[in-house]
Amino acid sequence: MKLKTALFTAAATFAIAPAAQAYHGLYGAIGAGLSYLEDDLDVDDGIGPALGGTSTFDADQNTDNGIGVYAALGKHLGDGWRGEIELSYRNNDARSWAADHPPNVTFPEGSMTGDISSYAIMLNIIKDLDFVSTGWVTPYIGGGVGFTHIDTEISATRVGIPASLVIDDSDRILAYQGIAGLAFRLAEGLMLDLSYRYFGALDHDVRGAFNTGPIDYQGGYVSHSAFAGLRWNFGGEDEVEYKDCPDGSSIPVTSECPAVVQETAAVEPIAITVYFDYDKSNLTPEAEALIRETAARALANNVNGVKVEGNADRSGSSAYNQDLSQRRANVVRDALIANGIPADRIEVSAMGEDNPAKPTPDGVREPLNRRTEVRITFR
């Protein structure tokens, strides 16, 4: 027999660290939040025609905090990667201009009205950091490139040194962004996204009037946004595939089989775990082969007792899971008897959802908890 088979099987079970819920197919997302347009963004222009010379202005533009919204349609690409097309809108009210050097084009707070709006379409690539996921919250990072339509509507009037400014124009330019966030699992296929976006664009050029003379205005655009939103996964969760290991255990194909120990003359207990598909109590061909091989190994010695414990995950009601775990235990018992194990040596129990191999919140599907554990001891 294999030395300490039961202990190695238990150790392998705890060593398996399944990834957070993985999805495939399409998803949709919407969100809204705060848009902060950086203060002291540079604006400049050659305003010679307005002043009758070759003078230029160089000022810092300030805006109030504004709002932002977004909507996205994306696809899961595998291994935690996602690609999406995002539409977004940001709006900030103009507050003031502060001149860096003459001519004096300062427009203090209270003298300026209007706003600056961005309408963007972005292509984003996002990576879900499954390796640090807790199962109910998953961090992610990403970035994107695209185009934005910046609409500038500003008017200002200054007294003392009389001056007036009117800009009502737009420009389409290249845009880019960085993304970081946390996705909280609310229900199957539904996530709460909390994200930060650094959104920037090349300088935009628009036309206006300064003291009734035409000007060409050039300005920067850098926004920091904090968004909260919802994401719906349309494709469903990826199915977990299993493989049989040399020690008799059956584990997810992405996990490593436990090390095979040396044979010894001592008759050690045999412990195996039989896994089931979601909401199923029938044996897979792999599970039938595992039980058949285990029964043959056991019958080579004097069987003392067999404990069969059925289990379920927490995706259904407690009462339903109790019944499901009983059915899973019964089907394994029947298979052992069919393969020669004496029925009077078998003890069957149903643990319901109260004996998880991997603890989860209520309502969560967990492949490691959909199982029947078998322990065979010898005289």
Protein backbone atom coordinates (compact mmCIF):
# COMPACT_ATOMS: atom_id res chain seq x y z
CA MET A 1 0.00 0.00 0.00
CA LYS A 2 1.07 3.60 -0.37
CA LEU A 3 2.32 5.12 2.85
CA LYS A 4 0.11 7.80 4.36
CA THR A 5 -2.15 8.00 1.31
CA ALA A 6 -4.90 9.69 3.28
CA LEU A 7 -2.58 12.38 4.62
CA PHE A 8 -1.14 13.13 1.21
CA THR A 9 -4.60 13.37 -0.29
CA ALA A 10 -5.69 15.84 2.39
CA ALA A 11 -2.51 17.89 1.93
CA ALA A 12 -3.06 17.98 -1.82
CA THR A 13 -6.62 19.19 -1.29
CA PHE A 14 -5.49 22.16 0.81
CA ALA A 15 -2.62 22.91 -1.58
CA ILE A 16 -5.00 23.37 -4.47
CA ALA A 17 -5.77 27.06 -4.84
CA PRO A 18 -8.44 27.46 -7.53
CA ALA A 19 -8.60 30.78 -9.33
CA ALA A 20 -11.42 33.19 -8.65
CA GLN A 21 -14.56 32.74 -10.71
CA ALA A 22 -13.43 32.73 -14.35
CA TYR A 23 -15.82 33.77 -17.10
CA HIS A 24 -15.91 33.46 -20.86
CA GLY A 25 -17.76 35.31 -23.59
CA LEU A 26 -19.08 38.87 -23.61
CA TYR A 27 -19.79 41.31 -20.80
CA GLY A 28 -21.27 44.80 -20.48
CA ALA A 29 -20.45 47.55 -17.99
CA ILE A 30 -21.73 50.98 -16.95
CA GLY A 31 -20.54 53.43 -14.31
CA ALA A 32 -20.42 57.00 -13.09
CA GLY A 33 -18.47 59.14 -10.66
CA LEU A 34 -16.23 62.12 -10.06
CA SER A 35 -14.06 63.74 -12.74
CA TYR A 36 -11.23 65.97 -11.55
CA LEU A 37 -9.54 67.97 -14.31
CA GLU A 38 -6.01 68.86 -13.22
CA ASP A 39 -5.48 72.45 -12.07
CA ASP A 40 -2.97 74.76 -13.78
CA LEU A 41 -3.35 73.10 -17.18
CA ASP A 42 -1.43 75.14 -19.72
CA VAL A 43 -3.28 77.23 -22.33
CA ASP A 44 -1.48 79.45 -24.83
CA ASP A 45 -1.95 81.26 -28.12
CA GLY A 46 -0.50 83.70 -30.58
CA ILE A 47 -2.90 86.63 -30.13
CA GLY A 48 -1.08 89.19 -32.22
CA PRO A 49 -4.20 90.01 -34.28
CA ALA A 50 -6.13 90.72 -31.11
CA LEU A 51 -3.49 93.05 -29.68
CA GLY A 52 -2.17 94.54 -32.91
CA GLY A 53 1.27 92.98 -32.49
CA THR A 54 3.10 89.68 -32.10
CA SER A 55 2.47 89.18 -28.38
CA THR A 56 1.47 85.76 -27.06
CA PHE A 57 -0.25 84.67 -23.89
CA ASP A 58 0.58 81.74 -21.66
CA ALA A 59 -1.88 81.01 -18.85
CA ASP A 60 -2.92 78.28 -16.41
CA GLN A 61 -6.49 77.06 -16.68
CA ASN A 62 -8.45 75.89 -13.61
CA THR A 63 -11.80 74.09 -13.49
CA ASP A 64 -14.26 72.83 -10.89
CA ASN A 65 -14.73 69.15 -10.05
CA GLY A 66 -17.19 67.58 -12.45
CA ILE A 67 -18.90 64.34 -13.38
CA GLY A 68 -18.03 61.41 -15.59
CA VAL A 69 -19.92 58.41 -16.95
CA TYR A 70 -18.92 55.40 -19.04
CA ALA A 71 -20.33 52.34 -20.78
CA ALA A 72 -18.32 49.42 -22.14
CA LEU A 73 -18.79 46.21 -24.10
CA GLY A 74 -16.03 43.66 -23.69
CA LYS A 75 -14.95 40.05 -24.09
CA HIS A 76 -13.04 37.66 -21.81
CA LEU A 77 -9.91 36.57 -23.65
CA GLY A 78 -8.68 33.89 -21.22
CA ASP A 79 -6.07 33.78 -18.44
CA GLY A 80 -7.67 36.80 -16.78
CA TRP A 81 -7.33 39.11 -19.82
CA ARG A 82 -10.21 41.22 -21.10
CA GLY A 83 -10.61 43.49 -24.11
CA GLU A 84 -13.31 46.14 -24.33
CA ILE A 85 -14.61 49.17 -26.19
CA GLU A 86 -15.49 52.03 -23.85
CA LEU A 87 -17.55 55.17 -24.40
CA SER A 88 -17.12 57.91 -21.80
CA TYR A 89 -18.20 61.47 -21.04
CA ARG A 90 -16.58 63.98 -18.66
CA ASN A 91 -17.63 67.55 -17.92
CA ASN A 92 -15.99 70.27 -15.82
CA ASP A 93 -17.05 73.90 -15.34
CA ALA A 94 -14.44 76.53 -16.16
CA ARG A 95 -13.28 78.52 -13.11
CA SER A 96 -10.35 80.83 -13.92
CA TRP A 97 -7.26 81.64 -15.99
CA ALA A 98 -4.04 82.79 -14.35
CA ALA A 99 -1.42 84.46 -16.56
CA ASP A 100 2.15 83.17 -16.53
CA HIS A 101 3.58 86.28 -18.23
CA PRO A 102 2.37 89.41 -20.09
CA PRO A 103 0.18 90.29 -21.81
CA ASN A 104 -2.10 90.02 -18.81
CA VAL A 105 -4.89 87.58 -19.68
CA THR A 106 -5.85 86.70 -16.12
CA PHE A 107 -9.53 85.96 -15.59
CA PRO A 108 -10.12 85.40 -11.86
CA GLU A 109 -12.86 83.32 -10.28
CA GLY A 110 -16.27 84.87 -10.84
CA SER A 111 -15.33 86.34 -14.22
CA MET A 112 -15.48 83.10 -16.21
CA THR A 113 -18.41 80.85 -17.15
CA GLY A 114 -18.83 77.81 -19.36
CA ASP A 115 -17.41 74.29 -19.34
CA ILE A 116 -15.07 71.80 -20.99
CA SER A 117 -16.48 68.42 -22.05
CA SER A 118 -14.82 65.25 -23.32
CA TYR A 119 -16.58 62.56 -25.37
CA ALA A 120 -14.22 59.60 -25.78
CA ILE A 121 -14.12 56.19 -27.43
CA MET A 122 -11.37 53.94 -26.07
CA LEU A 123 -10.02 50.46 -26.74
CA ASN A 124 -8.98 48.98 -23.36
CA ILE A 125 -6.96 45.91 -22.39
CA ILE A 126 -7.50 44.80 -18.77
CA LYS A 127 -5.89 42.08 -16.66
CA ASP A 128 -7.81 40.53 -13.75
CA LEU A 129 -5.27 39.68 -11.02
CA ASP A 130 -6.75 36.28 -10.16
CA PHE A 131 -3.65 35.20 -8.25
CA VAL A 132 -4.43 37.72 -5.48
CA SER A 133 -8.20 37.27 -5.59
CA THR A 134 -10.12 36.28 -2.47
CA GLY A 135 -12.94 34.72 -4.49
CA TRP A 136 -15.33 37.59 -3.83
CA VAL A 137 -13.04 40.53 -4.72
CA THR A 138 -10.55 40.62 -7.61
CA PRO A 139 -8.12 43.50 -8.34
CA TYR A 140 -7.46 44.49 -11.95
CA ILE A 141 -5.25 46.87 -13.94
CA GLY A 142 -5.27 47.99 -17.54
CA GLY A 143 -4.90 50.76 -20.06
CA GLY A 144 -6.41 52.07 -23.25
CA VAL A 145 -5.97 54.27 -26.31
CA GLY A 146 -8.52 56.00 -28.48
CA PHE A 147 -9.91 59.37 -29.47
CA THR A 148 -11.74 62.11 -27.64
CA HIS A 149 -13.90 64.97 -28.86
CA ILE A 150 -13.19 67.95 -26.57
CA ASP A 151 -15.85 70.65 -26.61
CA THR A 152 -14.82 74.02 -25.12
CA GLU A 153 -17.49 76.62 -24.31
CA ILE A 154 -15.96 79.45 -22.28
CA SER A 155 -16.79 83.13 -21.92
CA ALA A 156 -15.12 85.63 -19.59
CA THR A 157 -15.22 89.38 -18.90
CA ARG A 158 -12.69 91.23 -16.78
CA VAL A 159 -13.12 94.74 -15.36
CA GLY A 160 -10.34 97.07 -14.25
CA ILE A 161 -8.18 96.27 -17.23
CA PRO A 162 -11.03 95.55 -19.63
CA ALA A 163 -10.79 92.25 -21.47
CA SER A 164 -13.21 89.71 -22.84
CA LEU A 165 -12.86 86.13 -24.00
CA VAL A 166 -15.25 83.87 -25.93
CA ILE A 167 -14.44 80.31 -27.04
CA ASP A 168 -17.06 77.98 -28.52
CA ASP A 169 -15.30 75.29 -30.55
CA SER A 170 -14.23 71.63 -30.44
CA ASP A 171 -11.38 69.35 -31.52
CA ARG A 172 -10.86 65.60 -31.96
CA ILE A 173 -7.55 64.28 -30.71
CA LEU A 174 -5.70 61.15 -29.58
CA ALA A 175 -6.42 60.03 -25.99
CA TYR A 176 -4.97 57.49 -23.57
CA GLN A 177 -5.76 56.19 -20.09
CA GLY A 178 -4.56 53.97 -17.26
CA ILE A 179 -7.02 51.91 -15.19
CA ALA A 180 -6.88 50.28 -11.75
CA GLY A 181 -9.78 48.86 -9.79
CA LEU A 182 -11.46 46.25 -7.63
CA ALA A 183 -14.28 43.96 -8.78
CA PHE A 184 -16.65 42.76 -6.05
CA ARG A 185 -18.77 39.67 -6.78
CA LEU A 186 -22.43 40.52 -6.02
CA ALA A 187 -24.02 37.44 -7.61
CA GLU A 188 -23.28 34.92 -10.31
CA GLY A 189 -22.22 36.94 -13.35
CA LEU A 190 -22.69 40.34 -11.65
CA MET A 191 -19.79 42.45 -10.38
CA LEU A 192 -19.49 45.82 -8.63
CA ASP A 193 -16.55 47.74 -10.17
CA LEU A 194 -14.74 50.45 -8.21
CA SER A 195 -12.08 52.01 -10.44
CA TYR A 196 -9.65 54.87 -10.90
CA ARG A 197 -8.87 56.18 -14.38
CA TYR A 198 -6.05 58.49 -15.40
CA PHE A 199 -7.30 60.00 -18.67
CA GLY A 200 -5.14 62.25 -20.84
CA ALA A 201 -5.16 63.69 -24.35
CA LEU A 202 -2.90 65.57 -26.70
CA ASP A 203 -3.26 69.36 -26.74
CA HIS A 204 -6.50 70.42 -28.38
CA ASP A 205 -6.75 73.43 -30.73
CA VAL A 206 -9.88 75.57 -30.89
CA ARG A 207 -10.76 79.06 -32.15
CA GLY A 208 -12.31 81.94 -30.30
CA ALA A 209 -12.24 85.68 -29.75
CA PHE A 210 -10.17 87.83 -27.37
CA ASN A 211 -11.26 91.48 -27.12
CA THR A 212 -13.31 90.84 -30.31
CA GLY A 213 -10.18 89.73 -32.20
CA PRO A 214 -9.75 86.12 -33.37
CA ILE A 215 -7.48 83.77 -31.44
CA ASP A 216 -6.28 80.20 -31.78
CA TYR A 217 -6.46 78.54 -28.37
CA GLN A 218 -4.36 75.49 -27.46
CA GLY A 219 -4.95 73.66 -24.17
CA GLY A 220 -3.98 70.54 -22.26
CA TYR A 221 -6.36 67.93 -20.87
CA VAL A 222 -5.55 65.54 -17.97
CA SER A 223 -8.37 64.05 -15.90
CA HIS A 224 -8.48 61.85 -12.79
CA SER A 225 -11.73 59.91 -12.38
CA ALA A 226 -13.13 57.77 -9.56
CA PHE A 227 -15.97 55.56 -10.84
CA ALA A 228 -18.42 53.06 -9.39
CA GLY A 229 -20.23 50.76 -11.78
CA LEU A 230 -21.77 47.38 -12.55
CA ARG A 231 -20.49 44.65 -14.88
CA TRP A 232 -22.63 41.84 -16.28
CA ASN A 233 -20.96 38.69 -17.60
CA PHE A 234 -23.10 37.17 -20.33
CA GLY A 235 -21.00 34.08 -21.15
CA GLY A 236 -21.17 32.22 -17.81
CA GLU A 237 -18.46 30.65 -15.71
CA ASP A 238 -15.75 28.41 -17.14
CA GLU A 239 -16.24 24.74 -16.38
CA VAL A 240 -13.56 23.10 -14.23
CA GLU A 241 -11.99 19.95 -15.72
CA TYR A 242 -10.48 17.22 -13.54
CA LYS A 243 -7.68 14.70 -13.89
CA ASP A 244 -6.78 11.53 -12.01
CA CYS A 245 -3.43 11.41 -10.24
CA PRO A 246 -1.18 8.39 -9.62
CA ASP A 247 -2.11 8.41 -5.93
CA GLY A 248 -5.79 7.91 -6.80
CA SER A 249 -7.00 11.47 -6.24
CA SER A 250 -8.96 13.49 -8.80
CA ILE A 251 -8.07 17.20 -8.98
CA PRO A 252 -8.55 20.21 -11.34
CA VAL A 253 -6.35 19.91 -14.44
CA THR A 254 -4.58 23.20 -13.62
CA SER A 255 -3.29 21.82 -10.31
CA GLU A 256 -0.24 19.65 -9.67
CA CYS A 257 -0.71 16.05 -8.58
CA PRO A 258 0.63 15.24 -5.11
CA ALA A 259 3.97 13.45 -4.93
CA VAL A 260 3.85 9.66 -5.15
CA VAL A 261 5.18 8.02 -2.00
CA GLN A 262 7.08 4.78 -1.81
CA GLU A 263 5.31 1.49 -1.21
CA THR A 264 5.74 -0.13 2.22
CA ALA A 265 4.65 -3.35 3.76
CA ALA A 266 2.42 -1.54 6.27
CA VAL A 267 -1.26 -1.59 5.42
CA GLU A 268 -2.20 2.06 5.62
CA PRO A 269 -5.72 3.48 5.25
CA ILE A 270 -6.86 4.47 1.79
CA ALA A 271 -8.51 7.87 1.30
CA ILE A 272 -9.91 9.16 -1.98
CA THR A 273 -12.10 12.07 -3.01
CA VAL A 274 -14.71 11.74 -5.74
CA TYR A 275 -15.77 15.04 -7.32
CA PHE A 276 -19.12 15.82 -8.94
CA ASP A 277 -20.31 18.33 -11.52
CA TYR A 278 -22.49 21.22 -10.40
CA ASP A 279 -25.86 20.04 -9.01
CA LYS A 280 -25.07 16.44 -10.06
CA SER A 281 -24.90 13.18 -8.13
CA ASN A 282 -23.99 10.82 -10.95
CA LEU A 283 -20.48 9.41 -11.30
CA THR A 284 -18.27 10.49 -14.17
CA PRO A 285 -16.34 7.79 -16.08
CA GLU A 286 -13.19 8.98 -14.31
CA ALA A 287 -14.86 8.65 -10.90
CA GLU A 288 -16.09 5.13 -11.75
CA ALA A 289 -12.56 4.12 -12.73
CA LEU A 290 -11.17 5.62 -9.51
CA ILE A 291 -13.68 3.70 -7.34
CA ARG A 292 -13.04 0.46 -9.26
CA GLU A 293 -9.26 0.76 -8.79
CA THR A 294 -9.67 1.70 -5.11
CA ALA A 295 -11.94 -1.27 -4.42
CA ALA A 296 -9.41 -3.61 -6.06
CA ARG A 297 -6.61 -2.24 -3.88
CA ALA A 298 -8.74 -2.55 -0.74
CA LEU A 299 -9.83 -6.13 -1.46
CA ALA A 300 -6.17 -7.18 -1.63
CA ASN A 301 -6.22 -6.75 2.17
CA ASN A 302 -8.61 -7.36 5.05
CA VAL A 303 -11.08 -4.46 5.00
CA ASN A 304 -12.04 -3.31 8.48
CA GLY A 305 -14.34 -0.38 7.75
CA VAL A 306 -15.29 2.13 5.06
CA LYS A 307 -16.48 5.67 5.79
CA VAL A 308 -18.31 7.46 2.97
CA GLU A 309 -19.10 11.16 3.51
CA GLY A 310 -21.08 13.16 0.94
CA ASN A 311 -20.67 16.95 0.63
CA ALA A 312 -22.09 19.90 -1.31
CA ASP A 313 -21.11 23.49 -1.94
CA ARG A 314 -23.17 26.48 -0.74
CA SER A 315 -24.83 27.47 -4.03
CA GLY A 316 -28.28 26.19 -3.00
CA SER A 317 -30.41 26.04 0.14
CA SER A 318 -29.11 24.16 3.16
CA ALA A 319 -31.92 21.60 2.97
CA TYR A 320 -31.37 20.96 -0.73
CA ASN A 321 -27.60 20.60 -0.23
CA GLN A 322 -28.18 18.10 2.61
CA ASP A 323 -30.24 15.92 0.28
CA LEU A 324 -27.73 16.36 -2.58
CA SER A 325 -24.81 15.30 -0.34
CA GLN A 326 -26.79 12.19 0.72
CA ARG A 327 -27.33 11.22 -2.92
CA ARG A 328 -23.62 11.71 -3.66
CA ALA A 329 -22.69 9.49 -0.71
CA ASN A 330 -25.20 6.81 -1.74
CA VAL A 331 -23.98 6.59 -5.33
CA VAL A 332 -20.38 6.09 -4.16
CA ARG A 333 -21.49 3.45 -1.63
CA ASP A 334 -23.39 1.58 -4.33
CA ALA A 335 -20.36 1.69 -6.64
CA LEU A 336 -18.10 0.30 -3.89
CA ILE A 337 -20.55 -2.56 -3.24
CA ALA A 338 -20.79 -3.27 -6.98
CA ASN A 339 -16.99 -3.59 -7.00
CA GLY A 340 -16.90 -6.13 -4.17
CA ILE A 341 -16.68 -4.11 -0.93
CA PRO A 342 -18.95 -5.76 1.69
CA ALA A 343 -22.02 -3.62 2.35
CA ASP A 344 -21.93 -4.29 6.12
CA ARG A 345 -18.47 -2.67 6.33
CA ILE A 346 -19.65 0.65 4.85
CA GLU A 347 -20.78 3.61 6.99
CA VAL A 348 -22.52 6.42 5.07
CA SER A 349 -23.06 10.02 6.23
CA ALA A 350 -24.22 13.23 4.54
CA MET A 351 -22.47 16.44 5.58
CA GLY A 352 -24.51 18.86 3.44
CA GLU A 353 -22.75 22.21 2.99
CA ASP A 354 -21.25 22.22 6.52
CA ASN A 355 -17.94 20.47 5.78
CA PRO A 356 -16.31 22.52 2.98
CA ALA A 357 -12.85 21.69 1.66
CA LYS A 358 -12.67 25.39 0.77
CA PRO A 359 -14.88 27.73 2.87
CA THR A 360 -16.95 30.14 0.77
CA PRO A 361 -19.73 32.68 1.34
CA ASP A 362 -23.31 31.45 1.04
CA GLY A 363 -24.50 31.02 -2.54
CA VAL A 364 -21.03 30.54 -4.09
CA ARG A 365 -20.32 27.57 -6.36
CA GLU A 366 -17.07 25.82 -5.43
CA PRO A 367 -15.88 22.68 -7.32
CA LEU A 368 -13.72 21.47 -4.41
CA ASN A 369 -16.80 21.26 -2.15
CA ARG A 370 -18.87 19.12 -4.56
CA ARG A 371 -17.41 15.81 -3.43
CA THR A 372 -17.70 12.50 -1.59
CA GLU A 373 -14.78 11.47 0.61
CA VAL A 374 -13.99 7.77 1.14
CA ARG A 375 -11.70 6.39 3.84
CA ILE A 376 -10.93 2.64 4.02
CA THR A 377 -9.17 1.12 7.02
CA PHE A 378 -7.76 -2.38 7.44
CA ARG A 379 -7.31 -4.93 10.22
